[in-house]
Amino acid sequence: PSGVVQNSAMNPDLLSERQGASFDIEKL
């Protein structure tokens, strides 16, 4: 959030949730 881009070890469940979204988060 707030546009900060960095490498991060992400929880696989959250990663899966985001990859399965039906819309573009940035547009919302």
mmCIF file of all heavy atoms, coordinates in Angstrom:
data_MODEL
# 
_entry.id   MODEL 
# 
loop_
_atom_site.group_PDB 
_atom_site.id 
_atom_site.type_symbol 
_atom_site.label_atom_id 
_atom_site.label_alt_id 
_atom_site.label_comp_id 
_atom_site.label_asym_id 
_atom_site.label_entity_id 
_atom_site.label_seq_id 
_atom_site.pdbx_PDB_ins_code 
_atom_site.Cartn_x 
_atom_site.Cartn_y 
_atom_site.Cartn_z 
_atom_site.occupancy 
_atom_site.B_iso_or_equiv 
_atom_site.pdbx_formal_charge 
_atom_site.auth_seq_id 
_atom_site.auth_comp_id 
_atom_site.auth_asym_id 
_atom_site.auth_atom_id 
_atom_site.pdbx_PDB_model_num 
ATOM 1   N N   . PRO A 1 1  ? 0.818   -1.213  0.000   1.00 0.00 ? 1  PRO A N   1 
ATOM 2   C CA  . PRO A 1 1  ? 0.000   0.000   0.000   1.00 0.00 ? 1  PRO A CA  1 
ATOM 3   C C   . PRO A 1 1  ? 0.849   1.259   0.000   1.00 0.00 ? 1  PRO A C   1 
ATOM 4   O O   . PRO A 1 1  ? 1.965   1.276   0.492   1.00 0.00 ? 1  PRO A O   1 
ATOM 5   C CB  . PRO A 1 1  ? -0.803  -0.145  1.304   1.00 0.00 ? 1  PRO A CB  1 
ATOM 6   C CG  . PRO A 1 1  ? -0.905  -1.627  1.503   1.00 0.00 ? 1  PRO A CG  1 
ATOM 7   C CD  . PRO A 1 1  ? 0.419   -2.161  1.025   1.00 0.00 ? 1  PRO A CD  1 
ATOM 8   N N   . SER A 1 2  ? 0.270   2.303   -0.547  1.00 0.00 ? 2  SER A N   1 
ATOM 9   C CA  . SER A 1 2  ? 0.927   3.599   -0.740  1.00 0.00 ? 2  SER A CA  1 
ATOM 10  C C   . SER A 1 2  ? 2.029   3.518   -1.784  1.00 0.00 ? 2  SER A C   1 
ATOM 11  O O   . SER A 1 2  ? 2.916   4.353   -1.840  1.00 0.00 ? 2  SER A O   1 
ATOM 12  C CB  . SER A 1 2  ? 1.482   4.164   0.580   1.00 0.00 ? 2  SER A CB  1 
ATOM 13  O OG  . SER A 1 2  ? 0.420   4.518   1.423   1.00 0.00 ? 2  SER A OG  1 
ATOM 14  N N   . GLY A 1 3  ? 1.960   2.506   -2.644  1.00 0.00 ? 3  GLY A N   1 
ATOM 15  C CA  . GLY A 1 3  ? 2.834   2.474   -3.807  1.00 0.00 ? 3  GLY A CA  1 
ATOM 16  C C   . GLY A 1 3  ? 4.253   2.042   -3.549  1.00 0.00 ? 3  GLY A C   1 
ATOM 17  O O   . GLY A 1 3  ? 5.098   2.127   -4.436  1.00 0.00 ? 3  GLY A O   1 
ATOM 18  N N   . VAL A 1 4  ? 4.588   1.542   -2.350  1.00 0.00 ? 4  VAL A N   1 
ATOM 19  C CA  . VAL A 1 4  ? 5.953   1.129   -2.062  1.00 0.00 ? 4  VAL A CA  1 
ATOM 20  C C   . VAL A 1 4  ? 6.179   -0.264  -2.653  1.00 0.00 ? 4  VAL A C   1 
ATOM 21  O O   . VAL A 1 4  ? 5.468   -1.206  -2.330  1.00 0.00 ? 4  VAL A O   1 
ATOM 22  C CB  . VAL A 1 4  ? 6.210   1.101   -0.539  1.00 0.00 ? 4  VAL A CB  1 
ATOM 23  C CG1 . VAL A 1 4  ? 7.620   0.619   -0.251  1.00 0.00 ? 4  VAL A CG1 1 
ATOM 24  C CG2 . VAL A 1 4  ? 5.989   2.482   0.044   1.00 0.00 ? 4  VAL A CG2 1 
ATOM 25  N N   . VAL A 1 5  ? 7.142   -0.405  -3.520  1.00 0.00 ? 5  VAL A N   1 
ATOM 26  C CA  . VAL A 1 5  ? 7.435   -1.685  -4.142  1.00 0.00 ? 5  VAL A CA  1 
ATOM 27  C C   . VAL A 1 5  ? 8.716   -2.245  -3.553  1.00 0.00 ? 5  VAL A C   1 
ATOM 28  O O   . VAL A 1 5  ? 9.738   -1.567  -3.501  1.00 0.00 ? 5  VAL A O   1 
ATOM 29  C CB  . VAL A 1 5  ? 7.576   -1.548  -5.673  1.00 0.00 ? 5  VAL A CB  1 
ATOM 30  C CG1 . VAL A 1 5  ? 7.918   -2.897  -6.300  1.00 0.00 ? 5  VAL A CG1 1 
ATOM 31  C CG2 . VAL A 1 5  ? 6.302   -0.995  -6.272  1.00 0.00 ? 5  VAL A CG2 1 
ATOM 32  N N   . GLN A 1 6  ? 8.654   -3.478  -3.045  1.00 0.00 ? 6  GLN A N   1 
ATOM 33  C CA  . GLN A 1 6  ? 9.844   -4.071  -2.468  1.00 0.00 ? 6  GLN A CA  1 
ATOM 34  C C   . GLN A 1 6  ? 9.721   -5.589  -2.524  1.00 0.00 ? 6  GLN A C   1 
ATOM 35  O O   . GLN A 1 6  ? 8.642   -6.132  -2.725  1.00 0.00 ? 6  GLN A O   1 
ATOM 36  C CB  . GLN A 1 6  ? 10.037  -3.619  -1.021  1.00 0.00 ? 6  GLN A CB  1 
ATOM 37  C CG  . GLN A 1 6  ? 8.930   -4.083  -0.083  1.00 0.00 ? 6  GLN A CG  1 
ATOM 38  C CD  . GLN A 1 6  ? 9.164   -3.613  1.336   1.00 0.00 ? 6  GLN A CD  1 
ATOM 39  O OE1 . GLN A 1 6  ? 9.628   -2.508  1.566   1.00 0.00 ? 6  GLN A OE1 1 
ATOM 40  N NE2 . GLN A 1 6  ? 8.859   -4.455  2.293   1.00 0.00 ? 6  GLN A NE2 1 
ATOM 41  N N   . ASN A 1 7  ? 10.843  -6.272  -2.372  1.00 0.00 ? 7  ASN A N   1 
ATOM 42  C CA  . ASN A 1 7  ? 10.816  -7.721  -2.299  1.00 0.00 ? 7  ASN A CA  1 
ATOM 43  C C   . ASN A 1 7  ? 10.418  -8.123  -0.893  1.00 0.00 ? 7  ASN A C   1 
ATOM 44  O O   . ASN A 1 7  ? 10.932  -7.610  0.097   1.00 0.00 ? 7  ASN A O   1 
ATOM 45  C CB  . ASN A 1 7  ? 12.188  -8.299  -2.643  1.00 0.00 ? 7  ASN A CB  1 
ATOM 46  C CG  . ASN A 1 7  ? 12.500  -8.145  -4.117  1.00 0.00 ? 7  ASN A CG  1 
ATOM 47  O OD1 . ASN A 1 7  ? 11.604  -8.255  -4.947  1.00 0.00 ? 7  ASN A OD1 1 
ATOM 48  N ND2 . ASN A 1 7  ? 13.747  -7.898  -4.440  1.00 0.00 ? 7  ASN A ND2 1 
ATOM 49  N N   . SER A 1 8  ? 9.490   -9.051  -0.786  1.00 0.00 ? 8  SER A N   1 
ATOM 50  C CA  . SER A 1 8  ? 8.989   -9.436  0.515   1.00 0.00 ? 8  SER A CA  1 
ATOM 51  C C   . SER A 1 8  ? 8.649   -10.913 0.523   1.00 0.00 ? 8  SER A C   1 
ATOM 52  O O   . SER A 1 8  ? 8.127   -11.435 -0.465  1.00 0.00 ? 8  SER A O   1 
ATOM 53  C CB  . SER A 1 8  ? 7.747   -8.617  0.855   1.00 0.00 ? 8  SER A CB  1 
ATOM 54  O OG  . SER A 1 8  ? 7.147   -9.062  2.044   1.00 0.00 ? 8  SER A OG  1 
ATOM 55  N N   . ALA A 1 9  ? 8.957   -11.584 1.627   1.00 0.00 ? 9  ALA A N   1 
ATOM 56  C CA  . ALA A 1 9  ? 8.534   -12.966 1.800   1.00 0.00 ? 9  ALA A CA  1 
ATOM 57  C C   . ALA A 1 9  ? 7.076   -12.930 2.226   1.00 0.00 ? 9  ALA A C   1 
ATOM 58  O O   . ALA A 1 9  ? 6.752   -12.570 3.350   1.00 0.00 ? 9  ALA A O   1 
ATOM 59  C CB  . ALA A 1 9  ? 9.397   -13.637 2.854   1.00 0.00 ? 9  ALA A CB  1 
ATOM 60  N N   . MET A 1 10 ? 6.175   -13.287 1.327   1.00 0.00 ? 10 MET A N   1 
ATOM 61  C CA  . MET A 1 10 ? 4.748   -13.130 1.582   1.00 0.00 ? 10 MET A CA  1 
ATOM 62  C C   . MET A 1 10 ? 4.112   -14.454 1.951   1.00 0.00 ? 10 MET A C   1 
ATOM 63  O O   . MET A 1 10 ? 4.442   -15.498 1.389   1.00 0.00 ? 10 MET A O   1 
ATOM 64  C CB  . MET A 1 10 ? 4.050   -12.541 0.349   1.00 0.00 ? 10 MET A CB  1 
ATOM 65  C CG  . MET A 1 10 ? 2.578   -12.216 0.585   1.00 0.00 ? 10 MET A CG  1 
ATOM 66  S SD  . MET A 1 10 ? 1.779   -11.532 -0.864  1.00 0.00 ? 10 MET A SD  1 
ATOM 67  C CE  . MET A 1 10 ? 2.643   -9.979  -0.989  1.00 0.00 ? 10 MET A CE  1 
ATOM 68  N N   . ASN A 1 11 ? 3.201   -14.395 2.891   1.00 0.00 ? 11 ASN A N   1 
ATOM 69  C CA  . ASN A 1 11 ? 2.427   -15.562 3.258   1.00 0.00 ? 11 ASN A CA  1 
ATOM 70  C C   . ASN A 1 11 ? 1.733   -16.119 2.015   1.00 0.00 ? 11 ASN A C   1 
ATOM 71  O O   . ASN A 1 11 ? 1.090   -15.368 1.276   1.00 0.00 ? 11 ASN A O   1 
ATOM 72  C CB  . ASN A 1 11 ? 1.399   -15.160 4.321   1.00 0.00 ? 11 ASN A CB  1 
ATOM 73  C CG  . ASN A 1 11 ? 0.547   -16.311 4.777   1.00 0.00 ? 11 ASN A CG  1 
ATOM 74  O OD1 . ASN A 1 11 ? -0.327  -16.754 4.057   1.00 0.00 ? 11 ASN A OD1 1 
ATOM 75  N ND2 . ASN A 1 11 ? 0.796   -16.780 5.992   1.00 0.00 ? 11 ASN A ND2 1 
ATOM 76  N N   . PRO A 1 12 ? 1.855   -17.410 1.756   1.00 0.00 ? 12 PRO A N   1 
ATOM 77  C CA  . PRO A 1 12 ? 1.302   -17.979 0.516   1.00 0.00 ? 12 PRO A CA  1 
ATOM 78  C C   . PRO A 1 12 ? -0.210  -17.856 0.430   1.00 0.00 ? 12 PRO A C   1 
ATOM 79  O O   . PRO A 1 12 ? -0.759  -17.756 -0.679  1.00 0.00 ? 12 PRO A O   1 
ATOM 80  C CB  . PRO A 1 12 ? 1.746   -19.439 0.566   1.00 0.00 ? 12 PRO A CB  1 
ATOM 81  C CG  . PRO A 1 12 ? 2.045   -19.711 1.993   1.00 0.00 ? 12 PRO A CG  1 
ATOM 82  C CD  . PRO A 1 12 ? 2.562   -18.428 2.559   1.00 0.00 ? 12 PRO A CD  1 
ATOM 83  N N   . ASP A 1 13 ? -0.903  -17.868 1.568   1.00 0.00 ? 13 ASP A N   1 
ATOM 84  C CA  . ASP A 1 13 ? -2.355  -17.714 1.516   1.00 0.00 ? 13 ASP A CA  1 
ATOM 85  C C   . ASP A 1 13 ? -2.751  -16.330 1.016   1.00 0.00 ? 13 ASP A C   1 
ATOM 86  O O   . ASP A 1 13 ? -3.664  -16.188 0.195   1.00 0.00 ? 13 ASP A O   1 
ATOM 87  C CB  . ASP A 1 13 ? -2.954  -17.967 2.898   1.00 0.00 ? 13 ASP A CB  1 
ATOM 88  C CG  . ASP A 1 13 ? -2.944  -19.443 3.274   1.00 0.00 ? 13 ASP A CG  1 
ATOM 89  O OD1 . ASP A 1 13 ? -3.069  -20.277 2.357   1.00 0.00 ? 13 ASP A OD1 1 
ATOM 90  O OD2 . ASP A 1 13 ? -2.807  -19.749 4.464   1.00 0.00 ? 13 ASP A OD2 1 
ATOM 91  N N   . LEU A 1 14 ? -2.057  -15.289 1.519   1.00 0.00 ? 14 LEU A N   1 
ATOM 92  C CA  . LEU A 1 14 ? -2.360  -13.938 1.039   1.00 0.00 ? 14 LEU A CA  1 
ATOM 93  C C   . LEU A 1 14 ? -1.974  -13.780 -0.422  1.00 0.00 ? 14 LEU A C   1 
ATOM 94  O O   . LEU A 1 14 ? -2.671  -13.119 -1.196  1.00 0.00 ? 14 LEU A O   1 
ATOM 95  C CB  . LEU A 1 14 ? -1.643  -12.892 1.899   1.00 0.00 ? 14 LEU A CB  1 
ATOM 96  C CG  . LEU A 1 14 ? -2.273  -12.552 3.249   1.00 0.00 ? 14 LEU A CG  1 
ATOM 97  C CD1 . LEU A 1 14 ? -1.527  -11.402 3.909   1.00 0.00 ? 14 LEU A CD1 1 
ATOM 98  C CD2 . LEU A 1 14 ? -3.738  -12.185 3.093   1.00 0.00 ? 14 LEU A CD2 1 
ATOM 99  N N   . LEU A 1 15 ? -0.844  -14.382 -0.801  1.00 0.00 ? 15 LEU A N   1 
ATOM 100 C CA  . LEU A 1 15 ? -0.423  -14.317 -2.202  1.00 0.00 ? 15 LEU A CA  1 
ATOM 101 C C   . LEU A 1 15 ? -1.491  -14.937 -3.094  1.00 0.00 ? 15 LEU A C   1 
ATOM 102 O O   . LEU A 1 15 ? -1.867  -14.366 -4.135  1.00 0.00 ? 15 LEU A O   1 
ATOM 103 C CB  . LEU A 1 15 ? 0.903   -15.038 -2.374  1.00 0.00 ? 15 LEU A CB  1 
ATOM 104 C CG  . LEU A 1 15 ? 1.468   -15.074 -3.802  1.00 0.00 ? 15 LEU A CG  1 
ATOM 105 C CD1 . LEU A 1 15 ? 1.759   -13.658 -4.296  1.00 0.00 ? 15 LEU A CD1 1 
ATOM 106 C CD2 . LEU A 1 15 ? 2.731   -15.934 -3.844  1.00 0.00 ? 15 LEU A CD2 1 
ATOM 107 N N   . SER A 1 16 ? -1.999  -16.085 -2.690  1.00 0.00 ? 16 SER A N   1 
ATOM 108 C CA  . SER A 1 16 ? -3.033  -16.761 -3.471  1.00 0.00 ? 16 SER A CA  1 
ATOM 109 C C   . SER A 1 16 ? -4.308  -15.928 -3.546  1.00 0.00 ? 16 SER A C   1 
ATOM 110 O O   . SER A 1 16 ? -4.958  -15.851 -4.595  1.00 0.00 ? 16 SER A O   1 
ATOM 111 C CB  . SER A 1 16 ? -3.329  -18.127 -2.852  1.00 0.00 ? 16 SER A CB  1 
ATOM 112 O OG  . SER A 1 16 ? -4.378  -18.775 -3.541  1.00 0.00 ? 16 SER A OG  1 
ATOM 113 N N   . GLU A 1 17 ? -4.678  -15.303 -2.437  1.00 0.00 ? 17 GLU A N   1 
ATOM 114 C CA  . GLU A 1 17 ? -5.881  -14.463 -2.413  1.00 0.00 ? 17 GLU A CA  1 
ATOM 115 C C   . GLU A 1 17 ? -5.763  -13.336 -3.427  1.00 0.00 ? 17 GLU A C   1 
ATOM 116 O O   . GLU A 1 17 ? -6.706  -13.047 -4.177  1.00 0.00 ? 17 GLU A O   1 
ATOM 117 C CB  . GLU A 1 17 ? -6.092  -13.881 -1.013  1.00 0.00 ? 17 GLU A CB  1 
ATOM 118 C CG  . GLU A 1 17 ? -6.370  -14.897 0.075   1.00 0.00 ? 17 GLU A CG  1 
ATOM 119 C CD  . GLU A 1 17 ? -7.771  -15.468 0.012   1.00 0.00 ? 17 GLU A CD  1 
ATOM 120 O OE1 . GLU A 1 17 ? -8.652  -14.833 -0.603  1.00 0.00 ? 17 GLU A OE1 1 
ATOM 121 O OE2 . GLU A 1 17 ? -7.993  -16.552 0.576   1.00 0.00 ? 17 GLU A OE2 1 
ATOM 122 N N   . ARG A 1 18 ? -4.622  -12.698 -3.462  1.00 0.00 ? 18 ARG A N   1 
ATOM 123 C CA  . ARG A 1 18 ? -4.441  -11.552 -4.356  1.00 0.00 ? 18 ARG A CA  1 
ATOM 124 C C   . ARG A 1 18 ? -4.396  -11.978 -5.819  1.00 0.00 ? 18 ARG A C   1 
ATOM 125 O O   . ARG A 1 18 ? -4.924  -11.298 -6.695  1.00 0.00 ? 18 ARG A O   1 
ATOM 126 C CB  . ARG A 1 18 ? -3.178  -10.785 -3.964  1.00 0.00 ? 18 ARG A CB  1 
ATOM 127 C CG  . ARG A 1 18 ? -3.354  -10.053 -2.636  1.00 0.00 ? 18 ARG A CG  1 
ATOM 128 C CD  . ARG A 1 18 ? -2.102  -9.466  -2.077  1.00 0.00 ? 18 ARG A CD  1 
ATOM 129 N NE  . ARG A 1 18 ? -2.405  -8.743  -0.837  1.00 0.00 ? 18 ARG A NE  1 
ATOM 130 C CZ  . ARG A 1 18 ? -1.742  -8.853  0.292   1.00 0.00 ? 18 ARG A CZ  1 
ATOM 131 N NH1 . ARG A 1 18 ? -0.682  -9.650  0.374   1.00 0.00 ? 18 ARG A NH1 1 
ATOM 132 N NH2 . ARG A 1 18 ? -2.118  -8.174  1.359   1.00 0.00 ? 18 ARG A NH2 1 
ATOM 133 N N   . GLN A 1 19 ? -3.775  -13.107 -6.062  1.00 0.00 ? 19 GLN A N   1 
ATOM 134 C CA  . GLN A 1 19 ? -3.692  -13.590 -7.442  1.00 0.00 ? 19 GLN A CA  1 
ATOM 135 C C   . GLN A 1 19 ? -5.052  -14.029 -7.959  1.00 0.00 ? 19 GLN A C   1 
ATOM 136 O O   . GLN A 1 19 ? -5.284  -14.025 -9.179  1.00 0.00 ? 19 GLN A O   1 
ATOM 137 C CB  . GLN A 1 19 ? -2.694  -14.745 -7.526  1.00 0.00 ? 19 GLN A CB  1 
ATOM 138 C CG  . GLN A 1 19 ? -1.244  -14.305 -7.319  1.00 0.00 ? 19 GLN A CG  1 
ATOM 139 C CD  . GLN A 1 19 ? -0.277  -15.467 -7.266  1.00 0.00 ? 19 GLN A CD  1 
ATOM 140 O OE1 . GLN A 1 19 ? -0.670  -16.613 -6.994  1.00 0.00 ? 19 GLN A OE1 1 
ATOM 141 N NE2 . GLN A 1 19 ? 1.009   -15.192 -7.492  1.00 0.00 ? 19 GLN A NE2 1 
ATOM 142 N N   . GLY A 1 20 ? -5.964  -14.373 -7.055  1.00 0.00 ? 20 GLY A N   1 
ATOM 143 C CA  . GLY A 1 20 ? -7.277  -14.845 -7.486  1.00 0.00 ? 20 GLY A CA  1 
ATOM 144 C C   . GLY A 1 20 ? -8.340  -13.774 -7.555  1.00 0.00 ? 20 GLY A C   1 
ATOM 145 O O   . GLY A 1 20 ? -9.509  -14.078 -7.825  1.00 0.00 ? 20 GLY A O   1 
ATOM 146 N N   . ALA A 1 21 ? -7.965  -12.514 -7.328  1.00 0.00 ? 21 ALA A N   1 
ATOM 147 C CA  . ALA A 1 21 ? -8.958  -11.432 -7.347  1.00 0.00 ? 21 ALA A CA  1 
ATOM 148 C C   . ALA A 1 21 ? -9.549  -11.256 -8.738  1.00 0.00 ? 21 ALA A C   1 
ATOM 149 O O   . ALA A 1 21 ? -8.883  -11.449 -9.756  1.00 0.00 ? 21 ALA A O   1 
ATOM 150 C CB  . ALA A 1 21 ? -8.323  -10.127 -6.880  1.00 0.00 ? 21 ALA A CB  1 
ATOM 151 N N   . SER A 1 22 ? -10.806 -10.861 -8.770  1.00 0.00 ? 22 SER A N   1 
ATOM 152 C CA  . SER A 1 22 ? -11.521 -10.721 -10.048 1.00 0.00 ? 22 SER A CA  1 
ATOM 153 C C   . SER A 1 22 ? -11.364 -9.338  -10.664 1.00 0.00 ? 22 SER A C   1 
ATOM 154 O O   . SER A 1 22 ? -11.884 -9.092  -11.757 1.00 0.00 ? 22 SER A O   1 
ATOM 155 C CB  . SER A 1 22 ? -13.010 -11.013 -9.835  1.00 0.00 ? 22 SER A CB  1 
ATOM 156 O OG  . SER A 1 22 ? -13.617 -9.978  -9.066  1.00 0.00 ? 22 SER A OG  1 
ATOM 157 N N   . PHE A 1 23 ? -10.659 -8.438  -9.997  1.00 0.00 ? 23 PHE A N   1 
ATOM 158 C CA  . PHE A 1 23 ? -10.566 -7.060  -10.481 1.00 0.00 ? 23 PHE A CA  1 
ATOM 159 C C   . PHE A 1 23 ? -9.169  -6.524  -10.226 1.00 0.00 ? 23 PHE A C   1 
ATOM 160 O O   . PHE A 1 23 ? -8.383  -7.110  -9.472  1.00 0.00 ? 23 PHE A O   1 
ATOM 161 C CB  . PHE A 1 23 ? -11.610 -6.172  -9.784  1.00 0.00 ? 23 PHE A CB  1 
ATOM 162 C CG  . PHE A 1 23 ? -11.395 -6.052  -8.292  1.00 0.00 ? 23 PHE A CG  1 
ATOM 163 C CD1 . PHE A 1 23 ? -10.675 -4.996  -7.763  1.00 0.00 ? 23 PHE A CD1 1 
ATOM 164 C CD2 . PHE A 1 23 ? -11.902 -7.008  -7.425  1.00 0.00 ? 23 PHE A CD2 1 
ATOM 165 C CE1 . PHE A 1 23 ? -10.465 -4.891  -6.392  1.00 0.00 ? 23 PHE A CE1 1 
ATOM 166 C CE2 . PHE A 1 23 ? -11.702 -6.905  -6.054  1.00 0.00 ? 23 PHE A CE2 1 
ATOM 167 C CZ  . PHE A 1 23 ? -10.974 -5.852  -5.545  1.00 0.00 ? 23 PHE A CZ  1 
ATOM 168 N N   . ASP A 1 24 ? -8.874  -5.397  -10.835 1.00 0.00 ? 24 ASP A N   1 
ATOM 169 C CA  . ASP A 1 24 ? -7.593  -4.720  -10.668 1.00 0.00 ? 24 ASP A CA  1 
ATOM 170 C C   . ASP A 1 24 ? -7.662  -3.855  -9.404  1.00 0.00 ? 24 ASP A C   1 
ATOM 171 O O   . ASP A 1 24 ? -8.424  -2.887  -9.343  1.00 0.00 ? 24 ASP A O   1 
ATOM 172 C CB  . ASP A 1 24 ? -7.309  -3.847  -11.900 1.00 0.00 ? 24 ASP A CB  1 
ATOM 173 C CG  . ASP A 1 24 ? -5.921  -3.225  -11.882 1.00 0.00 ? 24 ASP A CG  1 
ATOM 174 O OD1 . ASP A 1 24 ? -5.479  -2.805  -10.797 1.00 0.00 ? 24 ASP A OD1 1 
ATOM 175 O OD2 . ASP A 1 24 ? -5.296  -3.152  -12.950 1.00 0.00 ? 24 ASP A OD2 1 
ATOM 176 N N   . ILE A 1 25 ? -6.867  -4.213  -8.397  1.00 0.00 ? 25 ILE A N   1 
ATOM 177 C CA  . ILE A 1 25 ? -6.906  -3.512  -7.114  1.00 0.00 ? 25 ILE A CA  1 
ATOM 178 C C   . ILE A 1 25 ? -6.578  -2.033  -7.277  1.00 0.00 ? 25 ILE A C   1 
ATOM 179 O O   . ILE A 1 25 ? -7.210  -1.163  -6.673  1.00 0.00 ? 25 ILE A O   1 
ATOM 180 C CB  . ILE A 1 25 ? -5.929  -4.174  -6.126  1.00 0.00 ? 25 ILE A CB  1 
ATOM 181 C CG1 . ILE A 1 25 ? -6.356  -5.613  -5.841  1.00 0.00 ? 25 ILE A CG1 1 
ATOM 182 C CG2 . ILE A 1 25 ? -5.850  -3.378  -4.821  1.00 0.00 ? 25 ILE A CG2 1 
ATOM 183 C CD1 . ILE A 1 25 ? -5.355  -6.405  -5.018  1.00 0.00 ? 25 ILE A CD1 1 
ATOM 184 N N   . GLU A 1 26 ? -5.597  -1.746  -8.120  1.00 0.00 ? 26 GLU A N   1 
ATOM 185 C CA  . GLU A 1 26 ? -5.181  -0.356  -8.300  1.00 0.00 ? 26 GLU A CA  1 
ATOM 186 C C   . GLU A 1 26 ? -6.317  0.498   -8.855  1.00 0.00 ? 26 GLU A C   1 
ATOM 187 O O   . GLU A 1 26 ? -6.509  1.650   -8.450  1.00 0.00 ? 26 GLU A O   1 
ATOM 188 C CB  . GLU A 1 26 ? -3.971  -0.289  -9.229  1.00 0.00 ? 26 GLU A CB  1 
ATOM 189 C CG  . GLU A 1 26 ? -3.452  1.110   -9.511  1.00 0.00 ? 26 GLU A CG  1 
ATOM 190 C CD  . GLU A 1 26 ? -2.759  1.756   -8.322  1.00 0.00 ? 26 GLU A CD  1 
ATOM 191 O OE1 . GLU A 1 26 ? -2.594  1.082   -7.290  1.00 0.00 ? 26 GLU A OE1 1 
ATOM 192 O OE2 . GLU A 1 26 ? -2.387  2.943   -8.426  1.00 0.00 ? 26 GLU A OE2 1 
ATOM 193 N N   . LYS A 1 27 ? -7.100  -0.062  -9.761  1.00 0.00 ? 27 LYS A N   1 
ATOM 194 C CA  . LYS A 1 27 ? -8.217  0.694   -10.339 1.00 0.00 ? 27 LYS A CA  1 
ATOM 195 C C   . LYS A 1 27 ? -9.256  1.028   -9.268  1.00 0.00 ? 27 LYS A C   1 
ATOM 196 O O   . LYS A 1 27 ? -9.833  2.122   -9.270  1.00 0.00 ? 27 LYS A O   1 
ATOM 197 C CB  . LYS A 1 27 ? -8.854  -0.092  -11.481 1.00 0.00 ? 27 LYS A CB  1 
ATOM 198 C CG  . LYS A 1 27 ? -7.991  -0.173  -12.731 1.00 0.00 ? 27 LYS A CG  1 
ATOM 199 C CD  . LYS A 1 27 ? -8.696  -0.929  -13.847 1.00 0.00 ? 27 LYS A CD  1 
ATOM 200 C CE  . LYS A 1 27 ? -7.832  -0.973  -15.108 1.00 0.00 ? 27 LYS A CE  1 
ATOM 201 N NZ  . LYS A 1 27 ? -8.486  -1.736  -16.208 1.00 0.00 ? 27 LYS A NZ  1 
ATOM 202 N N   . LEU A 1 28 ? -9.497  0.094   -8.363  1.00 0.00 ? 28 LEU A N   1 
ATOM 203 C CA  . LEU A 1 28 ? -10.462 0.369   -7.300  1.00 0.00 ? 28 LEU A CA  1 
ATOM 204 C C   . LEU A 1 28 ? -9.913  1.403   -6.318  1.00 0.00 ? 28 LEU A C   1 
ATOM 205 O O   . LEU A 1 28 ? -10.650 2.283   -5.857  1.00 0.00 ? 28 LEU A O   1 
ATOM 206 C CB  . LEU A 1 28 ? -10.827 -0.925  -6.565  1.00 0.00 ? 28 LEU A CB  1 
ATOM 207 C CG  . LEU A 1 28 ? -11.861 -0.789  -5.440  1.00 0.00 ? 28 LEU A CG  1 
ATOM 208 C CD1 . LEU A 1 28 ? -13.104 -0.043  -5.905  1.00 0.00 ? 28 LEU A CD1 1 
ATOM 209 C CD2 . LEU A 1 28 ? -12.235 -2.164  -4.890  1.00 0.00 ? 28 LEU A CD2 1 
# 
